[in-house]
Amino acid sequence: MSTTKIVFIREIEVGKSKQSLQILFDSSSSDFWIASSKFQSCVIAKMQTYDCKQEDLCISQHEQYVNSFETGFITGNLAKFPVGVPQTSQIGYFGILINEVERIPSRIN
């Protein structure tokens, strides 16, 4: 039996400033994760990150969110921010701003 692995990558706009980010949609999860500007590994690697600021209509909770996997964990802060795809209206959305990852789990081989 043959299986096909499909990856959905899309440009989105985040915040009042409509910062453009390329994201990978995980169709097996209801969680929406964005790399925070506090995520040092991404900053050092010059990857796209989002800086959650009140003037950008982003409201971040101070409480840490942790998602543990067999192979590691992801931590971040729950936040509400405007999000949309280019040329559409933005909506207020809740997501998680990633601050740290220990061995990212991957289902893509």
PDB file of N, CA and C in Angstrom:
ATOM      1  N   MET A   1       0.843  -1.169   0.000  1.00  0.00           N
ATOM      2  CA  MET A   1       0.000   0.000   0.000  1.00  0.00           C
ATOM      3  C   MET A   1       0.898   1.245   0.000  1.00  0.00           C
ATOM      4  N   SER A   2       0.561   2.197  -0.823  1.00  0.00           N
ATOM      5  CA  SER A   2       1.338   3.420  -0.929  1.00  0.00           C
ATOM      6  C   SER A   2       0.652   4.550  -0.161  1.00  0.00           C
ATOM      7  N   THR A   3       1.445   5.328   0.543  1.00  0.00           N
ATOM      8  CA  THR A   3       0.891   6.494   1.235  1.00  0.00           C
ATOM      9  C   THR A   3       1.594   7.739   0.718  1.00  0.00           C
ATOM     10  N   THR A   4       0.866   8.835   0.697  1.00  0.00           N
ATOM     11  CA  THR A   4       1.414  10.103   0.259  1.00  0.00           C
ATOM     12  C   THR A   4       1.435  11.055   1.441  1.00  0.00           C
ATOM     13  N   LYS A   5       2.534  11.728   1.617  1.00  0.00           N
ATOM     14  CA  LYS A   5       2.647  12.712   2.696  1.00  0.00           C
ATOM     15  C   LYS A   5       2.458  14.096   2.093  1.00  0.00           C
ATOM     16  N   ILE A   6       1.497  14.819   2.619  1.00  0.00           N
ATOM     17  CA  ILE A   6       1.178  16.143   2.113  1.00  0.00           C
ATOM     18  C   ILE A   6       1.479  17.167   3.192  1.00  0.00           C
ATOM     19  N   VAL A   7       2.122  18.254   2.811  1.00  0.00           N
ATOM     20  CA  VAL A   7       2.446  19.326   3.730  1.00  0.00           C
ATOM     21  C   VAL A   7       1.760  20.587   3.218  1.00  0.00           C
ATOM     22  N   PHE A   8       1.048  21.283   4.109  1.00  0.00           N
ATOM     23  CA  PHE A   8       0.367  22.522   3.759  1.00  0.00           C
ATOM     24  C   PHE A   8       1.164  23.704   4.309  1.00  0.00           C
ATOM     25  N   ILE A   9       1.727  24.500   3.415  1.00  0.00           N
ATOM     26  CA  ILE A   9       2.469  25.694   3.811  1.00  0.00           C
ATOM     27  C   ILE A   9       1.738  26.892   3.214  1.00  0.00           C
ATOM     28  N   ARG A  10       1.550  27.919   4.043  1.00  0.00           N
ATOM     29  CA  ARG A  10       0.772  29.079   3.597  1.00  0.00           C
ATOM     30  C   ARG A  10       1.335  30.350   4.218  1.00  0.00           C
ATOM     31  N   GLU A  11       1.248  31.431   3.476  1.00  0.00           N
ATOM     32  CA  GLU A  11       1.610  32.737   4.018  1.00  0.00           C
ATOM     33  C   GLU A  11       0.409  33.256   4.799  1.00  0.00           C
ATOM     34  N   ILE A  12       0.670  33.761   5.996  1.00  0.00           N
ATOM     35  CA  ILE A  12      -0.370  34.406   6.790  1.00  0.00           C
ATOM     36  C   ILE A  12       0.109  35.801   7.169  1.00  0.00           C
ATOM     37  N   GLU A  13      -0.827  36.624   7.636  1.00  0.00           N
ATOM     38  CA  GLU A  13      -0.499  37.945   8.140  1.00  0.00           C
ATOM     39  C   GLU A  13      -0.953  38.008   9.589  1.00  0.00           C
ATOM     40  N   VAL A  14      -0.035  38.431  10.461  1.00  0.00           N
ATOM     41  CA  VAL A  14      -0.298  38.425  11.899  1.00  0.00           C
ATOM     42  C   VAL A  14      -0.203  39.841  12.447  1.00  0.00           C
ATOM     43  N   GLY A  15      -1.134  40.176  13.333  1.00  0.00           N
ATOM     44  CA  GLY A  15      -1.116  41.469  14.004  1.00  0.00           C
ATOM     45  C   GLY A  15      -1.683  42.586  13.143  1.00  0.00           C
ATOM     46  N   LYS A  16      -1.907  43.721  13.784  1.00  0.00           N
ATOM     47  CA  LYS A  16      -2.395  44.915  13.092  1.00  0.00           C
ATOM     48  C   LYS A  16      -1.427  45.322  11.980  1.00  0.00           C
ATOM     49  N   SER A  17      -0.132  45.071  12.213  1.00  0.00           N
ATOM     50  CA  SER A  17       0.900  45.406  11.226  1.00  0.00           C
ATOM     51  C   SER A  17       0.898  44.468  10.023  1.00  0.00           C
ATOM     52  N   LYS A  18       0.130  43.385  10.118  1.00  0.00           N
ATOM     53  CA  LYS A  18       0.041  42.360   9.062  1.00  0.00           C
ATOM     54  C   LYS A  18       1.414  41.803   8.696  1.00  0.00           C
ATOM     55  N   GLN A  19       2.193  41.450   9.740  1.00  0.00           N
ATOM     56  CA  GLN A  19       3.508  40.841   9.513  1.00  0.00           C
ATOM     57  C   GLN A  19       3.315  39.525   8.770  1.00  0.00           C
ATOM     58  N   SER A  20       4.032  39.361   7.694  1.00  0.00           N
ATOM     59  CA  SER A  20       3.922  38.168   6.860  1.00  0.00           C
ATOM     60  C   SER A  20       4.790  37.039   7.418  1.00  0.00           C
ATOM     61  N   LEU A  21       4.196  35.855   7.570  1.00  0.00           N
ATOM     62  CA  LEU A  21       4.917  34.664   8.024  1.00  0.00           C
ATOM     63  C   LEU A  21       4.528  33.470   7.157  1.00  0.00           C
ATOM     64  N   GLN A  22       5.486  32.625   6.835  1.00  0.00           N
ATOM     65  CA  GLN A  22       5.198  31.356   6.180  1.00  0.00           C
ATOM     66  C   GLN A  22       5.003  30.327   7.282  1.00  0.00           C
ATOM     67  N   ILE A  23       3.874  29.629   7.283  1.00  0.00           N
ATOM     68  CA  ILE A  23       3.649  28.632   8.329  1.00  0.00           C
ATOM     69  C   ILE A  23       3.296  27.280   7.725  1.00  0.00           C
ATOM     70  N   LEU A  24       3.564  26.260   8.496  1.00  0.00           N
ATOM     71  CA  LEU A  24       3.209  24.887   8.156  1.00  0.00           C
ATOM     72  C   LEU A  24       1.952  24.551   8.940  1.00  0.00           C
ATOM     73  N   PHE A  25       0.876  24.229   8.236  1.00  0.00           N
ATOM     74  CA  PHE A  25      -0.368  23.857   8.908  1.00  0.00           C
ATOM     75  C   PHE A  25      -0.310  22.383   9.293  1.00  0.00           C
ATOM     76  N   ASP A  26      -0.579  22.105  10.551  1.00  0.00           N
ATOM     77  CA  ASP A  26      -0.634  20.733  11.057  1.00  0.00           C
ATOM     78  C   ASP A  26      -2.100  20.323  11.065  1.00  0.00           C
ATOM     79  N   SER A  27      -2.502  19.562  10.071  1.00  0.00           N
ATOM     80  CA  SER A  27      -3.915  19.192   9.941  1.00  0.00           C
ATOM     81  C   SER A  27      -4.356  18.150  10.967  1.00  0.00           C
ATOM     82  N   SER A  28      -3.430  17.640  11.761  1.00  0.00           N
ATOM     83  CA  SER A  28      -3.796  16.652  12.776  1.00  0.00           C
ATOM     84  C   SER A  28      -3.921  17.277  14.161  1.00  0.00           C
ATOM     85  N   SER A  29      -3.859  18.616  14.233  1.00  0.00           N
ATOM     86  CA  SER A  29      -3.897  19.289  15.516  1.00  0.00           C
ATOM     87  C   SER A  29      -4.768  20.536  15.433  1.00  0.00           C
ATOM     88  N   SER A  30      -5.422  20.871  16.535  1.00  0.00           N
ATOM     89  CA  SER A  30      -6.190  22.112  16.581  1.00  0.00           C
ATOM     90  C   SER A  30      -5.342  23.255  17.142  1.00  0.00           C
ATOM     91  N   ASP A  31      -4.113  22.967  17.569  1.00  0.00           N
ATOM     92  CA  ASP A  31      -3.222  23.998  18.104  1.00  0.00           C
ATOM     93  C   ASP A  31      -2.628  24.821  16.963  1.00  0.00           C
ATOM     94  N   PHE A  32      -2.507  26.113  17.178  1.00  0.00           N
ATOM     95  CA  PHE A  32      -1.923  27.033  16.202  1.00  0.00           C
ATOM     96  C   PHE A  32      -0.687  27.645  16.847  1.00  0.00           C
ATOM     97  N   TRP A  33       0.491  27.298  16.363  1.00  0.00           N
ATOM     98  CA  TRP A  33       1.753  27.704  16.958  1.00  0.00           C
ATOM     99  C   TRP A  33       2.475  28.680  16.039  1.00  0.00           C
ATOM    100  N   ILE A  34       3.024  29.742  16.616  1.00  0.00           N
ATOM    101  CA  ILE A  34       3.852  30.700  15.881  1.00  0.00           C
ATOM    102  C   ILE A  34       5.132  30.904  16.693  1.00  0.00           C
ATOM    103  N   ALA A  35       6.257  30.939  16.007  1.00  0.00           N
ATOM    104  CA  ALA A  35       7.531  31.167  16.704  1.00  0.00           C
ATOM    105  C   ALA A  35       7.585  32.596  17.227  1.00  0.00           C
ATOM    106  N   SER A  36       7.785  32.732  18.524  1.00  0.00           N
ATOM    107  CA  SER A  36       7.892  34.031  19.192  1.00  0.00           C
ATOM    108  C   SER A  36       9.278  34.617  18.968  1.00  0.00           C
ATOM    109  N   SER A  37       9.360  35.943  19.028  1.00  0.00           N
ATOM    110  CA  SER A  37      10.672  36.594  18.931  1.00  0.00           C
ATOM    111  C   SER A  37      11.545  36.258  20.137  1.00  0.00           C
ATOM    112  N   LYS A  38      10.966  35.639  21.181  1.00  0.00           N
ATOM    113  CA  LYS A  38      11.728  35.186  22.351  1.00  0.00           C
ATOM    114  C   LYS A  38      12.358  33.810  22.121  1.00  0.00           C
ATOM    115  N   PHE A  39      12.017  33.159  21.014  1.00  0.00           N
ATOM    116  CA  PHE A  39      12.502  31.819  20.694  1.00  0.00           C
ATOM    117  C   PHE A  39      13.910  31.958  20.092  1.00  0.00           C
ATOM    118  N   GLN A  40      14.920  31.898  20.966  1.00  0.00           N
ATOM    119  CA  GLN A  40      16.302  32.198  20.594  1.00  0.00           C
ATOM    120  C   GLN A  40      16.851  31.332  19.466  1.00  0.00           C
ATOM    121  N   SER A  41      16.488  30.050  19.406  1.00  0.00           N
ATOM    122  CA  SER A  41      16.994  29.185  18.334  1.00  0.00           C
ATOM    123  C   SER A  41      16.550  29.698  16.970  1.00  0.00           C
ATOM    124  N   CYS A  42      15.317  30.164  16.871  1.00  0.00           N
ATOM    125  CA  CYS A  42      14.808  30.714  15.609  1.00  0.00           C
ATOM    126  C   CYS A  42      15.462  32.053  15.294  1.00  0.00           C
ATOM    127  N   VAL A  43      15.641  32.887  16.312  1.00  0.00           N
ATOM    128  CA  VAL A  43      16.270  34.194  16.107  1.00  0.00           C
ATOM    129  C   VAL A  43      17.695  34.011  15.605  1.00  0.00           C
ATOM    130  N   ILE A  44      18.461  33.126  16.239  1.00  0.00           N
ATOM    131  CA  ILE A  44      19.850  32.867  15.836  1.00  0.00           C
ATOM    132  C   ILE A  44      19.912  32.317  14.415  1.00  0.00           C
ATOM    133  N   ALA A  45      18.946  31.453  14.061  1.00  0.00           N
ATOM    134  CA  ALA A  45      18.911  30.859  12.717  1.00  0.00           C
ATOM    135  C   ALA A  45      18.299  31.802  11.679  1.00  0.00           C
ATOM    136  N   LYS A  46      17.905  33.015  12.108  1.00  0.00           N
ATOM    137  CA  LYS A  46      17.285  34.026  11.236  1.00  0.00           C
ATOM    138  C   LYS A  46      15.999  33.516  10.599  1.00  0.00           C
ATOM    139  N   MET A  47      15.244  32.749  11.379  1.00  0.00           N
ATOM    140  CA  MET A  47      13.935  32.281  10.936  1.00  0.00           C
ATOM    141  C   MET A  47      12.881  33.330  11.274  1.00  0.00           C
ATOM    142  N   GLN A  48      11.731  33.247  10.637  1.00  0.00           N
ATOM    143  CA  GLN A  48      10.662  34.192  10.891  1.00  0.00           C
ATOM    144  C   GLN A  48      10.089  33.987  12.288  1.00  0.00           C
ATOM    145  N   THR A  49       9.929  35.088  13.017  1.00  0.00           N
ATOM    146  CA  THR A  49       9.312  35.054  14.345  1.00  0.00           C
ATOM    147  C   THR A  49       8.335  36.221  14.446  1.00  0.00           C
ATOM    148  N   TYR A  50       7.490  36.188  15.459  1.00  0.00           N
ATOM    149  CA  TYR A  50       6.514  37.254  15.678  1.00  0.00           C
ATOM    150  C   TYR A  50       6.751  37.884  17.042  1.00  0.00           C
ATOM    151  N   ASP A  51       6.801  39.213  17.072  1.00  0.00           N
ATOM    152  CA  ASP A  51       6.993  39.956  18.308  1.00  0.00           C
ATOM    153  C   ASP A  51       5.629  40.470  18.766  1.00  0.00           C
ATOM    154  N   CYS A  52       5.054  39.810  19.763  1.00  0.00           N
ATOM    155  CA  CYS A  52       3.722  40.136  20.270  1.00  0.00           C
ATOM    156  C   CYS A  52       3.778  41.440  21.063  1.00  0.00           C
ATOM    157  N   LYS A  53       3.116  42.477  20.544  1.00  0.00           N
ATOM    158  CA  LYS A  53       3.085  43.776  21.216  1.00  0.00           C
ATOM    159  C   LYS A  53       1.648  44.275  21.271  1.00  0.00           C
ATOM    160  N   GLN A  54       1.322  44.964  22.347  1.00  0.00           N
ATOM    161  CA  GLN A  54      -0.029  45.477  22.531  1.00  0.00           C
ATOM    162  C   GLN A  54      -0.435  46.407  21.387  1.00  0.00           C
ATOM    163  N   GLU A  55       0.489  47.239  20.910  1.00  0.00           N
ATOM    164  CA  GLU A  55       0.152  48.161  19.823  1.00  0.00           C
ATOM    165  C   GLU A  55      -0.114  47.438  18.500  1.00  0.00           C
ATOM    166  N   ASP A  56       0.267  46.155  18.420  1.00  0.00           N
ATOM    167  CA  ASP A  56      -0.022  45.328  17.252  1.00  0.00           C
ATOM    168  C   ASP A  56      -1.292  44.501  17.480  1.00  0.00           C
ATOM    169  N   LEU A  57      -2.026  44.841  18.548  1.00  0.00           N
ATOM    170  CA  LEU A  57      -3.274  44.161  18.954  1.00  0.00           C
ATOM    171  C   LEU A  57      -3.037  42.712  19.376  1.00  0.00           C
ATOM    172  N   CYS A  58      -1.844  42.430  19.881  1.00  0.00           N
ATOM    173  CA  CYS A  58      -1.524  41.095  20.387  1.00  0.00           C
ATOM    174  C   CYS A  58      -1.528  41.144  21.916  1.00  0.00           C
ATOM    175  N   ILE A  59      -2.257  40.237  22.516  1.00  0.00           N
ATOM    176  CA  ILE A  59      -2.322  40.147  23.973  1.00  0.00           C
ATOM    177  C   ILE A  59      -1.823  38.768  24.376  1.00  0.00           C
ATOM    178  N   SER A  60      -0.706  38.725  25.083  1.00  0.00           N
ATOM    179  CA  SER A  60      -0.100  37.457  25.503  1.00  0.00           C
ATOM    180  C   SER A  60      -0.363  37.206  26.987  1.00  0.00           C
ATOM    181  N   GLN A  61      -0.705  35.978  27.308  1.00  0.00           N
ATOM    182  CA  GLN A  61      -0.867  35.568  28.700  1.00  0.00           C
ATOM    183  C   GLN A  61       0.522  35.306  29.285  1.00  0.00           C
ATOM    184  N   HIS A  62       0.683  35.517  30.565  1.00  0.00           N
ATOM    185  CA  HIS A  62       1.983  35.283  31.196  1.00  0.00           C
ATOM    186  C   HIS A  62       2.198  33.812  31.547  1.00  0.00           C
ATOM    187  N   GLU A  63       1.117  33.080  31.676  1.00  0.00           N
ATOM    188  CA  GLU A  63       1.213  31.666  32.028  1.00  0.00           C
ATOM    189  C   GLU A  63       1.798  30.853  30.867  1.00  0.00           C
ATOM    190  N   GLN A  64       2.750  29.972  31.201  1.00  0.00           N
ATOM    191  CA  GLN A  64       3.393  29.117  30.205  1.00  0.00           C
ATOM    192  C   GLN A  64       2.485  27.955  29.807  1.00  0.00           C
ATOM    193  N   TYR A  65       2.473  27.644  28.537  1.00  0.00           N
ATOM    194  CA  TYR A  65       1.772  26.480  27.993  1.00  0.00           C
ATOM    195  C   TYR A  65       2.850  25.468  27.628  1.00  0.00           C
ATOM    196  N   VAL A  66       2.690  24.224  28.046  1.00  0.00           N
ATOM    197  CA  VAL A  66       3.675  23.177  27.742  1.00  0.00           C
ATOM    198  C   VAL A  66       2.964  22.016  27.064  1.00  0.00           C
ATOM    199  N   ASN A  67       3.510  21.578  25.950  1.00  0.00           N
ATOM    200  CA  ASN A  67       2.988  20.412  25.246  1.00  0.00           C
ATOM    201  C   ASN A  67       4.115  19.390  25.208  1.00  0.00           C
ATOM    202  N   SER A  68       3.926  18.264  25.896  1.00  0.00           N
ATOM    203  CA  SER A  68       4.960  17.237  25.977  1.00  0.00           C
ATOM    204  C   SER A  68       4.698  16.124  24.968  1.00  0.00           C
ATOM    205  N   PHE A  69       5.775  15.640  24.400  1.00  0.00           N
ATOM    206  CA  PHE A  69       5.729  14.538  23.448  1.00  0.00           C
ATOM    207  C   PHE A  69       6.676  13.457  23.937  1.00  0.00           C
ATOM    208  N   GLU A  70       6.634  12.308  23.296  1.00  0.00           N
ATOM    209  CA  GLU A  70       7.554  11.224  23.637  1.00  0.00           C
ATOM    210  C   GLU A  70       9.000  11.656  23.454  1.00  0.00           C
ATOM    211  N   THR A  71       9.241  12.524  22.470  1.00  0.00           N
ATOM    212  CA  THR A  71      10.608  12.892  22.109  1.00  0.00           C
ATOM    213  C   THR A  71      11.041  14.267  22.606  1.00  0.00           C
ATOM    214  N   GLY A  72      10.195  14.952  23.377  1.00  0.00           N
ATOM    215  CA  GLY A  72      10.582  16.271  23.854  1.00  0.00           C
ATOM    216  C   GLY A  72       9.380  17.109  24.235  1.00  0.00           C
ATOM    217  N   PHE A  73       9.539  18.430  24.202  1.00  0.00           N
ATOM    218  CA  PHE A  73       8.443  19.317  24.591  1.00  0.00           C
ATOM    219  C   PHE A  73       8.538  20.649  23.853  1.00  0.00           C
ATOM    220  N   ILE A  74       7.416  21.373  23.870  1.00  0.00           N
ATOM    221  CA  ILE A  74       7.336  22.725  23.320  1.00  0.00           C
ATOM    222  C   ILE A  74       6.705  23.592  24.393  1.00  0.00           C
ATOM    223  N   THR A  75       7.258  24.773  24.644  1.00  0.00           N
ATOM    224  CA  THR A  75       6.655  25.703  25.597  1.00  0.00           C
ATOM    225  C   THR A  75       6.380  27.029  24.907  1.00  0.00           C
ATOM    226  N   GLY A  76       5.372  27.722  25.405  1.00  0.00           N
ATOM    227  CA  GLY A  76       5.031  29.019  24.849  1.00  0.00           C
ATOM    228  C   GLY A  76       3.970  29.696  25.691  1.00  0.00           C
ATOM    229  N   ASN A  77       3.495  30.818  25.207  1.00  0.00           N
ATOM    230  CA  ASN A  77       2.459  31.575  25.888  1.00  0.00           C
ATOM    231  C   ASN A  77       1.227  31.647  24.994  1.00  0.00           C
ATOM    232  N   LEU A  78       0.062  31.410  25.589  1.00  0.00           N
ATOM    233  CA  LEU A  78      -1.185  31.576  24.868  1.00  0.00           C
ATOM    234  C   LEU A  78      -1.358  33.061  24.579  1.00  0.00           C
ATOM    235  N   ALA A  79      -1.779  33.398  23.372  1.00  0.00           N
ATOM    236  CA  ALA A  79      -1.944  34.801  22.998  1.00  0.00           C
ATOM    237  C   ALA A  79      -3.142  34.949  22.063  1.00  0.00           C
ATOM    238  N   LYS A  80      -3.703  36.148  22.063  1.00  0.00           N
ATOM    239  CA  LYS A  80      -4.756  36.487  21.116  1.00  0.00           C
ATOM    240  C   LYS A  80      -4.192  37.551  20.191  1.00  0.00           C
ATOM    241  N   PHE A  81      -4.354  37.340  18.881  1.00  0.00           N
ATOM    242  CA  PHE A  81      -3.820  38.274  17.905  1.00  0.00           C
ATOM    243  C   PHE A  81      -4.641  38.183  16.625  1.00  0.00           C
ATOM    244  N   PRO A  82      -4.677  39.280  15.844  1.00  0.00           N
ATOM    245  CA  PRO A  82      -5.348  39.217  14.546  1.00  0.00           C
ATOM    246  C   PRO A  82      -4.529  38.356  13.586  1.00  0.00           C
ATOM    247  N   VAL A  83      -5.209  37.540  12.808  1.00  0.00           N
ATOM    248  CA  VAL A  83      -4.517  36.706  11.824  1.00  0.00           C
ATOM    249  C   VAL A  83      -5.416  36.557  10.591  1.00  0.00           C
ATOM    250  N   GLY A  84      -4.779  36.435   9.455  1.00  0.00           N
ATOM    251  CA  GLY A  84      -5.511  36.231   8.212  1.00  0.00           C
ATOM    252  C   GLY A  84      -4.564  35.804   7.117  1.00  0.00           C
ATOM    253  N   VAL A  85      -5.122  35.513   5.962  1.00  0.00           N
ATOM    254  CA  VAL A  85      -4.296  35.238   4.789  1.00  0.00           C
ATOM    255  C   VAL A  85      -4.348  36.488   3.918  1.00  0.00           C
ATOM    256  N   PRO A  86      -3.308  36.745   3.119  1.00  0.00           N
ATOM    257  CA  PRO A  86      -3.286  37.960   2.304  1.00  0.00           C
ATOM    258  C   PRO A  86      -4.565  38.128   1.486  1.00  0.00           C
ATOM    259  N   GLN A  87      -5.024  39.357   1.399  1.00  0.00           N
ATOM    260  CA  GLN A  87      -6.205  39.764   0.639  1.00  0.00           C
ATOM    261  C   GLN A  87      -7.514  39.249   1.230  1.00  0.00           C
ATOM    262  N   THR A  88      -7.519  38.972   2.552  1.00  0.00           N
ATOM    263  CA  THR A  88      -8.750  38.614   3.255  1.00  0.00           C
ATOM    264  C   THR A  88      -8.821  39.449   4.527  1.00  0.00           C
ATOM    265  N   SER A  89      -9.966  39.460   5.158  1.00  0.00           N
ATOM    266  CA  SER A  89     -10.107  40.151   6.435  1.00  0.00           C
ATOM    267  C   SER A  89      -9.463  39.328   7.536  1.00  0.00           C
ATOM    268  N   GLN A  90      -8.824  40.010   8.473  1.00  0.00           N
ATOM    269  CA  GLN A  90      -8.241  39.317   9.614  1.00  0.00           C
ATOM    270  C   GLN A  90      -9.326  39.024  10.641  1.00  0.00           C
ATOM    271  N   ILE A  91      -9.083  37.988  11.461  1.00  0.00           N
ATOM    272  CA  ILE A  91      -9.966  37.664  12.572  1.00  0.00           C
ATOM    273  C   ILE A  91      -9.142  37.651  13.850  1.00  0.00           C
ATOM    274  N   GLY A  92      -9.794  37.898  15.003  1.00  0.00           N
ATOM    275  CA  GLY A  92      -9.116  37.742  16.285  1.00  0.00           C
ATOM    276  C   GLY A  92      -8.966  36.255  16.541  1.00  0.00           C
ATOM    277  N   TYR A  93      -7.771  35.800  16.860  1.00  0.00           N
ATOM    278  CA  TYR A  93      -7.527  34.365  16.975  1.00  0.00           C
ATOM    279  C   TYR A  93      -6.624  34.087  18.167  1.00  0.00           C
ATOM    280  N   PHE A  94      -6.818  32.935  18.771  1.00  0.00           N
ATOM    281  CA  PHE A  94      -5.933  32.498  19.842  1.00  0.00           C
ATOM    282  C   PHE A  94      -4.910  31.535  19.275  1.00  0.00           C
ATOM    283  N   GLY A  95      -3.670  31.698  19.678  1.00  0.00           N
ATOM    284  CA  GLY A  95      -2.614  30.801  19.266  1.00  0.00           C
ATOM    285  C   GLY A  95      -1.572  30.734  20.358  1.00  0.00           C
ATOM    286  N   ILE A  96      -0.532  30.006  20.098  1.00  0.00           N
ATOM    287  CA  ILE A  96       0.536  29.841  21.076  1.00  0.00           C
ATOM    288  C   ILE A  96       1.822  30.385  20.470  1.00  0.00           C
ATOM    289  N   LEU A  97       2.462  31.290  21.197  1.00  0.00           N
ATOM    290  CA  LEU A  97       3.736  31.853  20.773  1.00  0.00           C
ATOM    291  C   LEU A  97       4.847  30.979  21.345  1.00  0.00           C
ATOM    292  N   ILE A  98       5.562  30.278  20.505  1.00  0.00           N
ATOM    293  CA  ILE A  98       6.585  29.322  20.944  1.00  0.00           C
ATOM    294  C   ILE A  98       7.802  30.059  21.485  1.00  0.00           C
ATOM    295  N   ASN A  99       8.227  29.677  22.694  1.00  0.00           N
ATOM    296  CA  ASN A  99       9.418  30.261  23.316  1.00  0.00           C
ATOM    297  C   ASN A  99      10.600  29.301  23.350  1.00  0.00           C
ATOM    298  N   GLU A 100      10.317  27.998  23.395  1.00  0.00           N
ATOM    299  CA  GLU A 100      11.390  27.014  23.538  1.00  0.00           C
ATOM    300  C   GLU A 100      10.919  25.667  23.007  1.00  0.00           C
ATOM    301  N   VAL A 101      11.837  24.931  22.407  1.00  0.00           N
ATOM    302  CA  VAL A 101      11.552  23.580  21.917  1.00  0.00           C
ATOM    303  C   VAL A 101      12.722  22.687  22.314  1.00  0.00           C
ATOM    304  N   GLU A 102      12.406  21.537  22.816  1.00  0.00           N
ATOM    305  CA  GLU A 102      13.414  20.514  23.120  1.00  0.00           C
ATOM    306  C   GLU A 102      13.123  19.332  22.207  1.00  0.00           C
ATOM    307  N   ARG A 103      13.965  19.121  21.218  1.00  0.00           N
ATOM    308  CA  ARG A 103      13.799  18.039  20.245  1.00  0.00           C
ATOM    309  C   ARG A 103      12.403  18.039  19.621  1.00  0.00           C
ATOM    310  N   ILE A 104      12.231  18.831  18.592  1.00  0.00           N
ATOM    311  CA  ILE A 104      10.925  18.943  17.933  1.00  0.00           C
ATOM    312  C   ILE A 104      10.486  17.580  17.408  1.00  0.00           C
ATOM    313  N   PRO A 105       9.277  17.169  17.753  1.00  0.00           N
ATOM    314  CA  PRO A 105       8.753  15.915  17.212  1.00  0.00           C
ATOM    315  C   PRO A 105       8.363  16.117  15.758  1.00  0.00           C
ATOM    316  N   SER A 106       8.550  15.115  14.941  1.00  0.00           N
ATOM    317  CA  SER A 106       8.207  15.238  13.519  1.00  0.00           C
ATOM    318  C   SER A 106       7.578  13.951  13.026  1.00  0.00           C
ATOM    319  N   ARG A 107       6.512  14.120  12.289  1.00  0.00           N
ATOM    320  CA  ARG A 107       5.868  12.965  11.647  1.00  0.00           C
ATOM    321  C   ARG A 107       6.280  12.878  10.183  1.00  0.00           C
ATOM    322  N   ILE A 108       7.069  13.827   9.720  1.00  0.00           N
ATOM    323  CA  ILE A 108       7.517  13.850   8.323  1.00  0.00           C
ATOM    324  C   ILE A 108       8.863  13.136   8.234  1.00  0.00           C
ATOM    325  N   ASN A 109       8.922  12.072   7.496  1.00  0.00           N
ATOM    326  CA  ASN A 109      10.168  11.310   7.338  1.00  0.00           C
ATOM    327  C   ASN A 109      10.835  11.627   6.031  1.00  0.00           C
TER     328      ASN A 109
END
